Protein backbone atom coordinates (compact mmCIF):
# COMPACT_ATOMS: atom_id res chain seq x y z
CA UNK A 1 81.79 89.98 96.74
CA UNK A 2 82.45 92.77 94.26
CA UNK A 3 85.07 95.30 95.29
CA UNK A 4 85.49 99.01 94.87
CA UNK A 5 88.08 98.43 92.14
CA UNK A 6 85.35 96.91 89.97
CA UNK A 7 83.12 99.89 90.68
CA UNK A 8 85.87 102.36 89.78
CA UNK A 9 86.68 100.45 86.61
CA UNK A 10 83.12 101.01 85.43
CA UNK A 11 83.26 104.75 86.15
CA UNK A 12 81.67 106.67 89.01
CA UNK A 13 81.86 110.28 87.81
CA UNK A 14 78.64 112.06 88.71
CA UNK A 15 77.25 109.12 90.64
CA UNK A 16 76.12 109.46 94.24
CA UNK A 17 78.05 106.81 96.19
CA UNK A 18 76.88 105.99 99.70
CA UNK A 19 79.83 104.85 101.85
CA UNK A 20 78.85 103.10 105.06
CA UNK A 21 81.93 103.91 107.13
CA UNK A 22 82.80 103.34 110.76
CA UNK A 23 83.48 106.75 112.25
CA UNK A 24 82.64 105.56 115.76
CA UNK A 25 85.59 107.31 117.37
CA UNK A 26 86.11 108.05 121.07
CA UNK A 27 85.35 111.64 122.04
CA UNK A 28 86.30 113.83 124.96
CA UNK A 29 83.54 116.38 124.54
CA UNK A 30 84.03 117.32 120.89
CA UNK A 31 87.69 116.31 120.79
CA UNK A 32 88.54 113.04 119.03
CA UNK A 33 91.00 111.09 121.17
CA UNK A 34 91.75 108.36 118.58
CA UNK A 35 91.10 108.94 114.86
CA UNK A 36 92.20 105.48 113.69
CA UNK A 37 88.81 104.51 112.32
CA UNK A 38 88.51 107.72 110.33
CA UNK A 39 91.95 107.26 108.83
CA UNK A 40 91.02 103.70 107.88
CA UNK A 41 88.22 104.79 105.53
CA UNK A 42 90.19 107.59 103.84
CA UNK A 43 91.57 105.41 101.00
CA UNK A 44 88.06 104.41 99.91
CA UNK A 45 86.60 107.90 100.16
CA UNK A 46 89.58 109.49 98.43
CA UNK A 47 89.54 106.98 95.55
CA UNK A 48 85.85 107.64 94.92
CA UNK A 49 86.17 111.41 95.15
CA UNK A 50 89.23 111.45 92.91
CA UNK A 51 87.23 109.47 90.33
CA UNK A 52 84.49 112.11 90.34
CA UNK A 53 81.90 110.45 92.57
CA UNK A 54 79.63 112.48 94.80
CA UNK A 55 80.45 110.73 98.06
CA UNK A 56 77.92 110.44 100.89
CA UNK A 57 79.55 109.10 104.06
CA UNK A 58 77.38 107.68 106.84
CA UNK A 59 78.17 106.09 110.20
CA UNK A 60 76.98 105.56 113.73
CA UNK A 61 78.70 106.95 116.82
CA UNK A 62 78.05 105.71 120.32
CA UNK A 63 74.68 104.46 121.51
CA UNK A 64 72.08 107.21 121.22
CA UNK A 65 68.52 106.06 121.86
CA UNK A 66 67.13 106.42 118.34
CA UNK A 67 66.83 110.21 118.59
CA UNK A 68 69.19 113.17 118.11
CA UNK A 69 71.69 113.67 120.94
CA UNK A 70 74.37 116.39 120.55
CA UNK A 71 76.83 114.31 122.60
CA UNK A 72 76.95 111.78 119.76
CA UNK A 73 77.10 114.12 116.78
CA UNK A 74 79.34 113.13 113.88
CA UNK A 75 80.32 116.77 113.29
CA UNK A 76 83.83 116.33 114.82
CA UNK A 77 84.38 113.23 112.69
CA UNK A 78 83.32 115.10 109.55
CA UNK A 79 85.78 117.87 110.33
CA UNK A 80 88.60 115.37 110.89
CA UNK A 81 87.77 113.49 107.69
CA UNK A 82 88.09 116.77 105.79
CA UNK A 83 91.49 117.41 107.37
CA UNK A 84 92.71 113.95 106.39
CA UNK A 85 91.40 114.30 102.85
CA UNK A 86 92.76 117.82 102.52
CA UNK A 87 89.38 118.89 101.17
CA UNK A 88 86.17 120.52 102.32
CA UNK A 89 83.69 117.97 103.67
CA UNK A 90 80.10 119.11 103.94
CA UNK A 91 78.00 118.07 106.92
CA UNK A 92 74.28 117.39 107.03
CA UNK A 93 72.65 117.99 110.40
CA UNK A 94 70.25 115.09 109.92
CA UNK A 95 70.40 111.69 108.22
CA UNK A 96 67.49 111.48 105.79
CA UNK A 97 65.76 114.83 106.36
CA UNK A 98 65.84 118.20 104.66
CA UNK A 99 69.48 118.90 105.50
CA UNK A 100 70.68 115.54 104.19
CA UNK A 101 68.70 115.82 100.95
CA UNK A 102 69.85 119.40 100.33
CA UNK A 103 73.48 118.63 101.19
CA UNK A 104 73.62 115.64 98.85
CA UNK A 105 71.80 117.50 96.10
CA UNK A 106 74.37 120.29 96.36
CA UNK A 107 77.40 118.05 95.88
CA UNK A 108 79.49 118.51 92.76
CA UNK A 109 81.54 115.72 91.22
CA UNK A 110 84.41 114.80 93.54
CA UNK A 111 82.89 116.36 96.63
CA UNK A 112 82.24 114.61 99.95
CA UNK A 113 79.49 114.96 102.54
CA UNK A 114 78.92 113.31 105.92
CA UNK A 115 75.37 112.87 107.16
CA UNK A 116 74.50 112.91 110.86
CA UNK A 117 74.63 109.87 113.14
CA UNK A 118 72.59 107.00 111.70
CA UNK A 119 71.51 105.94 115.18
CA UNK A 120 69.63 109.20 115.63
CA UNK A 121 66.96 107.30 113.67
CA UNK A 122 65.22 104.41 115.44
CA UNK A 123 64.97 102.49 112.17
CA UNK A 124 68.74 101.98 112.00
CA UNK A 125 68.90 99.51 114.87
CA UNK A 126 65.29 98.30 114.94
CA UNK A 127 64.68 94.58 115.31
CA UNK A 128 61.53 95.01 113.22
CA UNK A 129 62.39 94.16 109.61
CA UNK A 130 59.76 96.52 108.19
CA UNK A 131 60.93 99.50 110.26
CA UNK A 132 64.55 98.83 109.35
CA UNK A 133 63.64 98.38 105.70
CA UNK A 134 61.71 101.64 105.63
CA UNK A 135 64.71 103.55 106.95
CA UNK A 136 66.99 101.81 104.46
CA UNK A 137 64.64 102.90 101.66
CA UNK A 138 65.01 106.51 102.80
CA UNK A 139 68.78 106.17 102.80
CA UNK A 140 68.68 104.63 99.32
CA UNK A 141 67.08 107.80 97.98
CA UNK A 142 70.36 109.62 98.71
CA UNK A 143 72.50 107.41 96.47
CA UNK A 144 72.96 105.45 93.26
CA UNK A 145 75.55 102.98 94.57
CA UNK A 146 76.44 101.47 97.97
CA UNK A 147 79.97 100.83 99.24
CA UNK A 148 80.33 98.96 102.51
CA UNK A 149 83.49 99.97 104.35
CA UNK A 150 82.48 100.04 108.02
CA UNK A 151 84.06 96.79 109.14
CA UNK A 152 83.47 97.59 112.81
CA UNK A 153 79.71 97.35 112.20
CA UNK A 154 79.41 94.35 109.85
CA UNK A 155 78.36 92.04 112.70
CA UNK A 156 75.24 94.18 113.22
CA UNK A 157 71.95 93.54 111.42
CA UNK A 158 71.29 97.25 111.02
CA UNK A 159 69.54 99.13 108.24
CA UNK A 160 72.62 100.81 106.76
CA UNK A 161 74.69 97.63 107.08
CA UNK A 162 72.30 94.82 106.16
CA UNK A 163 69.18 96.19 104.44
CA UNK A 164 70.54 99.05 102.35
CA UNK A 165 72.96 97.02 100.19
CA UNK A 166 69.97 95.05 98.88
CA UNK A 167 68.42 98.23 97.53
CA UNK A 168 71.42 99.47 95.54
CA UNK A 169 74.30 98.06 93.47
CA UNK A 170 76.80 97.18 96.20
CA UNK A 171 80.55 96.81 96.59
CA UNK A 172 83.10 96.24 99.34
CA UNK A 173 85.43 99.14 100.10
CA UNK A 174 89.18 98.82 100.55
CA UNK A 175 88.99 98.48 104.33
CA UNK A 176 86.49 95.61 104.33
CA UNK A 177 88.38 93.82 101.56
CA UNK A 178 91.59 94.11 103.59
CA UNK A 179 89.99 93.03 106.87
CA UNK A 180 88.38 89.95 105.33
CA UNK A 181 91.62 89.00 103.59
CA UNK A 182 93.52 89.20 106.87
CA UNK A 183 90.94 87.22 108.84
CA UNK A 184 91.04 84.46 106.25
CA UNK A 185 94.72 84.07 107.13
CA UNK A 186 93.60 83.33 110.70
CA UNK A 187 90.99 80.77 109.71
CA UNK A 188 92.26 78.99 106.58
CA UNK A 189 95.77 77.65 105.90
CA UNK A 190 97.09 79.19 109.11
CA UNK A 191 100.86 79.22 109.47
CA UNK A 192 101.91 77.52 112.70
CA UNK A 193 102.59 77.78 115.56
CA UNK A 194 99.40 79.83 115.89
CA UNK A 195 99.29 81.82 119.15
CA UNK A 196 96.32 83.80 120.41
CA UNK A 197 96.46 86.46 123.14
CA UNK A 198 93.12 87.32 124.74
CA UNK A 199 92.58 90.02 127.34
CA UNK A 200 89.97 92.57 128.27
CA UNK A 201 87.52 92.67 131.11
CA UNK A 202 85.05 89.83 130.70
CA UNK A 203 85.36 86.15 129.90
CA UNK A 204 81.76 86.23 128.65
CA UNK A 205 82.81 88.54 125.79
CA UNK A 206 85.26 85.93 124.55
CA UNK A 207 83.45 82.62 125.18
CA UNK A 208 82.56 82.00 121.55
CA UNK A 209 86.00 82.79 120.21
CA UNK A 210 87.74 80.66 122.87
CA UNK A 211 85.46 77.77 122.01
CA UNK A 212 86.29 78.14 118.32
CA UNK A 213 90.02 78.66 118.82
CA UNK A 214 90.41 75.56 120.95
CA UNK A 215 89.99 73.65 117.70
CA UNK A 216 92.50 75.80 115.79
CA UNK A 217 95.14 77.53 117.93
CA UNK A 218 98.33 75.95 119.27
CA UNK A 219 98.51 78.14 122.35
CA UNK A 220 96.22 80.64 124.04
CA UNK A 221 97.53 83.31 126.42
CA UNK A 222 95.08 84.95 128.82
CA UNK A 223 95.40 88.36 130.48
CA UNK A 224 93.31 91.33 131.53
CA UNK A 225 90.33 91.18 133.85
CA UNK A 226 89.17 87.90 132.35
CA UNK A 227 92.28 86.14 133.67
CA UNK A 228 90.94 86.20 137.23
CA UNK A 229 87.98 83.99 136.35
CA UNK A 230 90.47 81.46 134.96
CA UNK A 231 92.61 81.70 138.09
CA UNK A 232 89.53 81.26 140.28
CA UNK A 233 88.55 78.22 138.20
CA UNK A 234 91.92 76.73 139.15
CA UNK A 235 91.08 77.23 142.81
CA UNK A 236 93.13 80.36 143.48
CA UNK A 237 92.19 83.34 145.62
CA UNK A 238 91.60 86.41 143.41
CA UNK A 239 90.70 88.96 146.10
CA UNK A 240 88.45 91.74 144.81
CA UNK A 241 89.62 91.30 141.21
CA UNK A 242 87.11 91.37 138.39
CA UNK A 243 85.38 88.00 138.46
CA UNK A 244 82.52 86.34 136.61
CA UNK A 245 81.51 83.54 138.96
CA UNK A 246 78.81 82.28 136.58
CA UNK A 247 81.46 81.60 133.91
CA UNK A 248 83.65 79.38 136.08
CA UNK A 249 82.05 76.10 134.88
CA UNK A 250 82.59 77.11 131.23
CA UNK A 251 86.18 78.13 131.95
CA UNK A 252 86.90 74.81 133.67
CA UNK A 253 85.53 73.07 130.59
CA UNK A 254 87.84 75.06 128.32
CA UNK A 255 90.88 74.24 130.43
CA UNK A 256 89.99 70.54 130.29
CA UNK A 257 89.42 70.63 126.52
CA UNK A 258 92.70 72.45 125.99
CA UNK A 259 94.57 69.73 127.88
CA UNK A 260 92.78 67.00 125.93
CA UNK A 261 93.56 68.60 122.57
CA UNK A 262 97.13 69.55 123.38
CA UNK A 263 96.44 73.28 123.20
CA UNK A 264 98.74 75.17 125.54
CA UNK A 265 96.71 77.44 127.82
CA UNK A 266 98.95 80.07 129.44
CA UNK A 267 97.78 82.05 132.47
CA UNK A 268 99.55 84.77 134.47
CA UNK A 269 102.14 83.63 137.00
CA UNK A 270 102.29 87.03 138.72
CA UNK A 271 100.12 90.14 138.78
CA UNK A 272 100.16 93.76 139.87
CA UNK A 273 97.64 94.38 142.65
CA UNK A 274 96.21 97.26 144.62
CA UNK A 275 93.39 97.86 147.08
CA UNK A 276 92.12 100.74 144.94
CA UNK A 277 91.34 101.18 141.27
CA UNK A 278 93.62 103.86 139.75
CA UNK A 279 92.44 107.37 138.94
CA UNK A 280 92.40 107.42 135.15
CA UNK A 281 91.82 111.17 134.91
CA UNK A 282 94.64 112.51 137.07
CA UNK A 283 96.92 109.48 136.48
CA UNK A 284 98.08 109.89 140.09
CA UNK A 285 100.71 107.30 141.09
CA UNK A 286 98.99 104.05 142.10
CA UNK A 287 101.91 102.30 143.87
CA UNK A 288 100.90 98.72 143.01
CA UNK A 289 102.65 95.67 144.42
CA UNK A 290 103.56 92.48 142.58
CA UNK A 291 102.38 89.13 143.89
CA UNK A 292 102.25 85.57 142.59
CA UNK A 293 99.07 84.87 140.65
CA UNK A 294 98.09 82.24 143.23
CA UNK A 295 98.69 84.58 146.18
CA UNK A 296 96.46 87.61 145.57
CA UNK A 297 95.49 89.13 148.95
CA UNK A 298 91.79 88.99 149.76
CA UNK A 299 91.51 92.80 149.91
CA UNK A 300 93.43 93.50 146.67
CA UNK A 301 92.56 93.38 142.98
CA UNK A 302 94.70 92.42 140.05
CA UNK A 303 95.15 95.24 137.53
CA UNK A 304 97.94 94.07 135.21
CA UNK A 305 100.13 91.07 134.51
CA UNK A 306 103.42 91.07 136.38
CA UNK A 307 107.05 91.14 135.16
CA UNK A 308 107.50 87.36 135.14
CA UNK A 309 104.30 86.93 133.14
CA UNK A 310 105.50 89.53 130.65
CA UNK A 311 108.68 87.50 130.10
CA UNK A 312 106.69 84.27 129.88
CA UNK A 313 104.26 85.66 127.31
CA UNK A 314 107.07 87.13 125.22
CA UNK A 315 108.74 83.71 125.14
CA UNK A 316 105.47 82.05 124.06
CA UNK A 317 105.16 84.50 121.15
CA UNK A 318 108.80 84.46 120.05
CA UNK A 319 108.55 81.36 117.87
CA UNK A 320 104.98 81.85 116.62
CA UNK A 321 104.27 82.09 112.90
CA UNK A 322 100.81 83.64 113.37
CA UNK A 323 99.57 85.75 116.30
CA UNK A 324 96.11 87.18 116.95
CA UNK A 325 95.77 89.59 119.88
CA UNK A 326 92.50 90.97 121.23
CA UNK A 327 92.24 92.73 124.57
CA UNK A 328 94.69 94.59 126.84
CA UNK A 329 96.55 92.85 129.65
CA UNK A 330 95.59 95.40 132.29
CA UNK A 331 94.34 98.92 132.92
CA UNK A 332 96.67 100.28 130.23
CA UNK A 333 95.12 103.76 130.44
CA UNK A 334 97.13 104.30 133.65
CA UNK A 335 100.94 104.30 133.32
CA UNK A 336 101.41 102.10 136.40
CA UNK A 337 99.35 99.33 134.76
CA UNK A 338 100.41 99.70 131.14
CA UNK A 339 103.55 97.55 131.16
CA UNK A 340 101.77 94.25 130.53
CA UNK A 341 100.00 95.54 127.43
CA UNK A 342 103.22 97.21 126.28
CA UNK A 343 105.09 93.93 126.69
CA UNK A 344 102.61 92.04 124.51
CA UNK A 345 102.73 94.73 121.84
CA UNK A 346 106.53 94.70 121.87
CA UNK A 347 106.57 90.88 121.72
CA UNK A 348 104.43 91.04 118.58
CA UNK A 349 106.86 93.52 117.04
CA UNK A 350 109.83 91.33 117.96
CA UNK A 351 108.23 88.18 116.59
CA UNK A 352 108.72 87.15 112.95
CA UNK A 353 105.05 86.10 112.96
CA UNK A 354 102.20 87.52 110.91
CA UNK A 355 100.59 89.62 113.64
CA UNK A 356 96.99 90.82 113.85
CA UNK A 357 95.78 93.25 116.51
CA UNK A 358 92.06 92.62 116.79
CA UNK A 359 90.57 96.06 117.09
CA UNK A 360 88.81 97.69 120.04
CA UNK A 361 90.88 98.47 123.12
CA UNK A 362 93.89 96.60 121.73
CA UNK A 363 94.11 98.92 118.74
CA UNK A 364 93.59 101.95 120.98
CA UNK A 365 96.33 100.73 123.31
CA UNK A 366 98.81 100.32 120.47
CA UNK A 367 98.27 103.92 119.44
CA UNK A 368 98.05 105.36 122.96
CA UNK A 369 101.25 103.62 124.05
CA UNK A 370 103.18 105.08 121.13
CA UNK A 371 103.78 102.08 118.90
CA UNK A 372 104.14 102.40 115.14
CA UNK A 373 100.95 100.91 113.69
CA UNK A 374 102.69 100.05 110.43
CA UNK A 375 105.07 97.73 112.25
CA UNK A 376 102.26 95.24 112.91
CA UNK A 377 100.94 92.90 110.26
CA UNK A 378 97.45 94.34 110.60
CA UNK A 379 95.47 96.39 113.10
CA UNK A 380 91.76 95.71 112.76
CA UNK A 381 89.15 98.43 113.07
CA UNK A 382 86.53 96.03 114.41
CA UNK A 383 87.04 94.18 117.67
CA UNK A 384 83.57 92.63 117.90
CA UNK A 385 83.42 91.92 114.18
CA UNK A 386 86.84 90.26 114.22
CA UNK A 387 85.88 88.03 117.13
CA UNK A 388 82.58 86.97 115.56
CA UNK A 389 84.35 86.19 112.28
CA UNK A 390 86.84 84.01 114.16
CA UNK A 391 83.91 82.29 115.89
CA UNK A 392 82.73 81.20 112.45
CA UNK A 393 79.57 83.30 112.59
CA UNK A 394 77.88 84.75 109.51
CA UNK A 395 78.28 88.52 109.68
CA UNK A 396 75.18 90.30 108.30
CA UNK A 397 77.11 93.17 106.74
CA UNK A 398 79.42 90.82 104.84
CA UNK A 399 76.58 88.54 103.77
CA UNK A 400 74.73 91.57 102.38
CA UNK A 401 77.71 92.44 100.15
CA UNK A 402 77.77 89.00 98.58
CA UNK A 403 76.12 88.74 95.16
């Protein structure tokens, strides 16, 4: 995989460089609530612009249905990218149409443009190879060189991620090079003890990675909504907590395999419960109660790990040499249910381990809860991509960057 440093060494002045970024940021209307993914691509864009390239940045945002939808416009992201670069960033109101062609044609050396949401075009996500390829050919007309730097999308076989690199000289940007380097530390020559913390809502989202990690990790800590399927698999009452009944057989199998292989599987010993889900808009006090994890009332749901579990998990991370964390421990968006996620984040900071926060809600929680991102070993920009890499899957966007 050739990197952007090799591209820069050969000179890019005057060349149109297409940067497939990941600007898929959360929006409240037109207000960006977390700009982490935009900040992550700035080093690549700035290096290219400073070297005189005419930089064309493209990304998806949200899940529009293959047609323009103002709710998913990249205009706010383009504005924020300009603020972070300290330079004017032009914006094309389409992706491969008249506005995109005119905007790119009007770029001078060192200038940057963002084209509109790639998913406004059905060809971007099409499962038909010919349709995807045709859209990629249109994108290729906008550029001389391709730089892949949207790590959060590399697990998708999409036109701008998989097909386009084959039509242009292609390189990995700084973000992708960093992400891959970090993930290799979690899959090859791992320093031990290797602890993994998995949370989030659904067990089904993590089945592949749990299966893979049972062969590699020394201990696995479970929290979030997915913990209740594990507790149910052990025969405990979970009340009205989030539960995936159909995954109980798989979970039982994982618990058995963990015991056979000597992998320590750690589940909550207490949880915060309530009869009502908290109001995440008003953040009105929720008044949860704490109960033992095997004594959840039938009319209550678990919404965060409890104080004893926080202490337990911190102790299980204290002596780790490597830690991977993906998924919050509870409904961290509400202050009454944020303490479990805070405790895990703090335990990672307190640990001497090489720590990796695996993107998605975990990365958002770190920022929202006020932690210094630089204090962690690495915060990934791609939750799904990180998990699939750890599962041992071939990621289309990375395969496409290989020579």
